[in-house]
C-alpha atoms as a PDB file:
ATOM      1  CA  MET A   1      -4.711  16.945   4.851  1.00  0.00           C
ATOM      2  CA  CYS A   2      -5.661  13.716   3.058  1.00  0.00           C
ATOM      3  CA  ARG A   3      -5.797  15.378  -0.379  1.00  0.00           C
ATOM      4  CA  LEU A   4      -2.507  17.198   0.132  1.00  0.00           C
ATOM      5  CA  THR A   5      -0.770  14.023   1.260  1.00  0.00           C
ATOM      6  CA  LYS A   6      -2.151  12.072  -1.696  1.00  0.00           C
ATOM      7  CA  ALA A   7      -1.001  14.830  -4.072  1.00  0.00           C
ATOM      8  CA  LEU A   8       2.571  14.410  -2.719  1.00  0.00           C
ATOM      9  CA  ASN A   9       2.538  10.712  -3.683  1.00  0.00           C
ATOM     10  CA  TYR A  10       3.863  11.328  -7.209  1.00  0.00           C
ATOM     11  CA  LEU A  11       6.545  13.706  -6.000  1.00  0.00           C
ATOM     12  CA  PHE A  12       7.868  11.161  -3.523  1.00  0.00           C
ATOM     13  CA  ASP A  13       7.685   8.272  -6.010  1.00  0.00           C
ATOM     14  CA  TYR A  14       9.706  10.105  -8.647  1.00  0.00           C
ATOM     15  CA  GLY A  15      12.124  11.622  -6.123  1.00  0.00           C
ATOM     16  CA  ARG A  16      12.749   8.335  -4.349  1.00  0.00           C
ATOM     17  CA  HIS A  17      12.568   9.932  -0.905  1.00  0.00           C
ATOM     18  CA  HIS A  18      11.212   6.796   0.685  1.00  0.00           C
ATOM     19  CA  LEU A  19      11.688   7.574   4.361  1.00  0.00           C
ATOM     20  CA  GLU A  20      10.073  10.974   3.993  1.00  0.00           C
ATOM     21  CA  TRP A  21       7.326   9.443   1.916  1.00  0.00           C
ATOM     22  CA  PHE A  22       6.571   6.936   4.648  1.00  0.00           C
ATOM     23  CA  THR A  23       6.574   9.634   7.342  1.00  0.00           C
ATOM     24  CA  VAL A  24       4.227  11.955   5.437  1.00  0.00           C
ATOM     25  CA  PHE A  25       1.872   9.091   4.682  1.00  0.00           C
ATOM     26  CA  GLU A  26       1.789   8.210   8.380  1.00  0.00           C
ATOM     27  CA  LEU A  27       0.242  11.659   8.893  1.00  0.00           C
ATOM     28  CA  GLY A  28      -2.163  11.083   6.050  1.00  0.00           C
ATOM     29  CA  LEU A  29      -3.188   7.713   7.461  1.00  0.00           C
ATOM     30  CA  SER A  30      -3.736   9.221  10.892  1.00  0.00           C
ATOM     31  CA  SER A  31      -5.915  11.970   9.389  1.00  0.00           C
ATOM     32  CA  ALA A  32      -7.939   9.537   7.333  1.00  0.00           C
ATOM     33  CA  ARG A  33      -8.610   7.400  10.389  1.00  0.00           C
ATOM     34  CA  LYS A  34      -9.659  10.423  12.490  1.00  0.00           C
ATOM     35  CA  LEU A  35     -12.029  11.497   9.734  1.00  0.00           C
ATOM     36  CA  GLY A  36     -13.362   7.986   9.197  1.00  0.00           C
ATOM     37  CA  ASP A  37     -12.410   8.244   5.503  1.00  0.00           C
ATOM     38  CA  GLU A  38     -12.018   4.599   4.428  1.00  0.00           C
ATOM     39  CA  PRO A  39     -11.027   5.253   0.814  1.00  0.00           C
ATOM     40  CA  TYR A  40      -8.130   7.450   1.923  1.00  0.00           C
ATOM     41  CA  GLU A  41      -7.221   5.068   4.737  1.00  0.00           C
ATOM     42  CA  GLY A  42      -7.007   2.213   2.228  1.00  0.00           C
ATOM     43  CA  PHE A  43      -4.975   4.363  -0.141  1.00  0.00           C
ATOM     44  CA  PHE A  44      -2.439   5.346   2.501  1.00  0.00           C
ATOM     45  CA  LEU A  45      -2.079   1.759   3.735  1.00  0.00           C
ATOM     46  CA  ARG A  46      -1.515   0.468   0.203  1.00  0.00           C
ATOM     47  CA  VAL A  47       1.056   3.092  -0.580  1.00  0.00           C
ATOM     48  CA  ARG A  48       2.811   2.596   2.765  1.00  0.00           C
ATOM     49  CA  GLY A  49       3.035  -1.105   1.875  1.00  0.00           C
ATOM     50  CA  TYR A  50       4.588  -0.188  -1.446  1.00  0.00           C
ATOM     51  CA  VAL A  51       7.092   2.150   0.204  1.00  0.00           C
ATOM     52  CA  LEU A  52       8.037  -0.438   2.833  1.00  0.00           C
ATOM     53  CA  GLY A  53       8.749  -2.849  -0.037  1.00  0.00           C
ATOM     54  CA  ARG A  54      11.035  -0.226  -1.601  1.00  0.00           C
ATOM     55  CA  LEU A  55      12.797   0.008   1.754  1.00  0.00           C
ATOM     56  CA  MET A  56      13.243  -3.830   1.689  1.00  0.00           C
ATOM     57  CA  ARG A  57      11.045  -4.227   4.751  1.00  0.00           C
ATOM     58  CA  TYR A  58       9.048  -6.941   3.031  1.00  0.00           C
ATOM     59  CA  ASP A  59       7.186  -8.497   5.966  1.00  0.00           C
ATOM     60  CA  GLU A  60       5.966  -5.076   7.108  1.00  0.00           C
ATOM     61  CA  ALA A  61       5.087  -4.196   3.521  1.00  0.00           C
ATOM     62  CA  ILE A  62       2.903  -7.269   3.274  1.00  0.00           C
ATOM     63  CA  GLN A  63       1.124  -6.454   6.533  1.00  0.00           C
ATOM     64  CA  GLU A  64       0.363  -2.862   5.505  1.00  0.00           C
ATOM     65  CA  SER A  65      -0.723  -3.988   2.040  1.00  0.00           C
ATOM     66  CA  ARG A  66      -3.068  -6.625   3.453  1.00  0.00           C
ATOM     67  CA  GLN A  67      -4.750  -3.986   5.625  1.00  0.00           C
ATOM     68  CA  GLY A  68      -5.204  -1.784   2.576  1.00  0.00           C
ATOM     69  CA  LEU A  69      -6.479  -4.756   0.605  1.00  0.00           C
ATOM     70  CA  GLU A  70      -9.177  -5.474   3.214  1.00  0.00           C
ATOM     71  CA  ILE A  71     -10.453  -1.903   2.871  1.00  0.00           C
ATOM     72  CA  SER A  72     -10.320  -2.002  -0.930  1.00  0.00           C
ATOM     73  CA  ARG A  73     -12.338  -5.187  -0.938  1.00  0.00           C
ATOM     74  CA  ALA A  74     -14.849  -3.824   1.532  1.00  0.00           C
ATOM     75  CA  LEU A  75     -15.330  -0.789  -0.743  1.00  0.00           C
ATOM     76  CA  ASN A  76     -15.618  -3.082  -3.782  1.00  0.00           C
ATOM     77  CA  ASP A  77     -12.624  -1.261  -5.335  1.00  0.00           C
ATOM     78  CA  HIS A  78     -11.392  -3.806  -7.850  1.00  0.00           C
ATOM     79  CA  PHE A  79      -8.687  -1.604  -9.359  1.00  0.00           C
ATOM     80  CA  HIS A  80      -6.886  -0.940  -6.099  1.00  0.00           C
ATOM     81  CA  SER A  81      -7.486  -4.497  -4.897  1.00  0.00           C
ATOM     82  CA  ALA A  82      -5.674  -5.828  -7.978  1.00  0.00           C
ATOM     83  CA  TRP A  83      -2.877  -3.305  -7.596  1.00  0.00           C
ATOM     84  CA  THR A  84      -2.363  -4.296  -3.963  1.00  0.00           C
ATOM     85  CA  LEU A  85      -2.474  -8.008  -4.721  1.00  0.00           C
ATOM     86  CA  ARG A  86       0.306  -7.418  -7.237  1.00  0.00           C
ATOM     87  CA  ASP A  87       2.412  -5.578  -4.652  1.00  0.00           C
ATOM     88  CA  ILE A  88       1.895  -8.349  -2.104  1.00  0.00           C
ATOM     89  CA  ALA A  89       2.971 -10.893  -4.750  1.00  0.00           C
ATOM     90  CA  LYS A  90       6.135  -8.879  -5.458  1.00  0.00           C
ATOM     91  CA  ASN A  91       7.082  -8.764  -1.808  1.00  0.00           C
ATOM     92  CA  LEU A  92       6.360 -12.440  -1.251  1.00  0.00           C
ATOM     93  CA  THR A  93       8.624 -13.180  -4.214  1.00  0.00           C
ATOM     94  CA  ARG A  94      11.388 -11.100  -2.683  1.00  0.00           C
ATOM     95  CA  LEU A  95      11.060 -13.237   0.457  1.00  0.00           C
ATOM     96  CA  GLY A  96      11.294 -16.436  -1.591  1.00  0.00           C
ATOM     97  CA  ARG A  97       7.677 -17.412  -0.886  1.00  0.00           C
ATOM     98  CA  TYR A  98       6.966 -18.248  -4.521  1.00  0.00           C
ATOM     99  CA  GLU A  99       3.846 -20.352  -4.143  1.00  0.00           C
ATOM    100  CA  GLU A 100       2.088 -17.726  -2.064  1.00  0.00           C
ATOM    101  CA  ALA A 101       3.254 -15.040  -4.487  1.00  0.00           C
ATOM    102  CA  ARG A 102       1.810 -16.969  -7.423  1.00  0.00           C
ATOM    103  CA  GLU A 103      -1.571 -17.201  -5.705  1.00  0.00           C
ATOM    104  CA  PHE A 104      -1.700 -13.458  -5.031  1.00  0.00           C
ATOM    105  CA  ALA A 105      -0.545 -12.676  -8.603  1.00  0.00           C
ATOM    106  CA  GLN A 106      -3.238 -14.891 -10.065  1.00  0.00           C
ATOM    107  CA  GLU A 107      -5.901 -13.326  -7.923  1.00  0.00           C
ATOM    108  CA  ALA A 108      -4.773  -9.907  -9.172  1.00  0.00           C
ATOM    109  CA  LEU A 109      -5.604 -10.866 -12.745  1.00  0.00           C
END
């Protein structure tokens, strides 16, 4: 289930079916948690954060992204940590929280 859901990521991103994307990734997240698969759990949380940002649900996006960031950091996954920091910075900017956004953006570098 996790692999199939991840494979659908690109289809949803290009098709801009954000509500469906979020729903499918809820299933993926649930599966990853049941399996105890932290890399997939982190992936689904990060992408859900991204999708929530696309839906202009910025506070929720930041919460999901922070959860994914915690997992990425615990796994010592620098690439996805940086990607997630960037997404958090974008959403903070959209909320007008520029100083916080700058801090996250700098950390992503």
